[in-house]
Amino acid sequence: MATQKLYAGVKLREVRTGLNLTQKAFAEKLGVSLPYLNQMENNNRP
């Protein structure tokens, strides 16, 4: 059975920009690194 990955990059970016946060500030609030958030927003990480 194949596992389907969920990519939410577009939604993450919409939420972040709606809150007027930079990637750095949003990453800190989420408790993830800036590079990881960038990869998620660009759909390189599920």
Protein backbone atom coordinates (compact mmCIF):
# COMPACT_ATOMS: atom_id res chain seq x y z
CA MET A 1 0.00 0.00 0.00
CA ALA A 2 1.49 3.33 -1.06
CA THR A 3 1.79 6.15 1.44
CA GLN A 4 0.58 9.53 0.27
CA LYS A 5 2.47 12.60 1.51
CA LEU A 6 0.67 15.80 2.38
CA TYR A 7 2.20 19.03 1.09
CA ALA A 8 0.83 22.21 2.61
CA GLY A 9 3.36 24.75 1.34
CA VAL A 10 0.87 27.11 -0.27
CA LYS A 11 -1.35 27.15 2.81
CA LEU A 12 1.61 27.68 5.14
CA ARG A 13 2.75 30.68 3.11
CA GLU A 14 -0.81 32.09 3.05
CA VAL A 15 -1.06 31.82 6.83
CA ARG A 16 2.39 33.35 7.37
CA THR A 17 1.80 36.29 5.04
CA GLY A 18 -1.69 36.79 6.48
CA LEU A 19 -0.07 37.22 9.89
CA ASN A 20 2.53 39.59 8.40
CA LEU A 21 5.38 37.40 9.65
CA THR A 22 8.75 36.80 8.09
CA GLN A 23 9.85 33.23 7.51
CA LYS A 24 12.27 33.61 10.42
CA ALA A 25 9.58 34.80 12.84
CA PHE A 26 7.11 32.14 11.68
CA ALA A 27 9.72 29.39 11.99
CA GLU A 28 10.45 30.48 15.56
CA LYS A 29 6.73 30.41 16.44
CA LEU A 30 6.41 26.93 14.91
CA GLY A 31 9.55 25.65 16.62
CA VAL A 32 11.25 24.66 13.36
CA SER A 33 14.38 25.91 11.64
CA LEU A 34 14.24 28.58 8.96
CA PRO A 35 15.59 26.22 6.26
CA TYR A 36 12.99 23.60 7.17
CA LEU A 37 10.13 26.11 6.92
CA ASN A 38 11.47 27.28 3.58
CA GLN A 39 11.52 23.68 2.32
CA MET A 40 7.95 23.14 3.53
CA GLU A 41 6.71 26.32 1.83
CA ASN A 42 8.36 25.22 -1.40
CA ASN A 43 6.84 21.70 -1.13
CA ASN A 44 10.24 20.05 -0.75
CA ARG A 45 9.19 18.62 2.63
CA PRO A 46 5.84 17.19 3.65
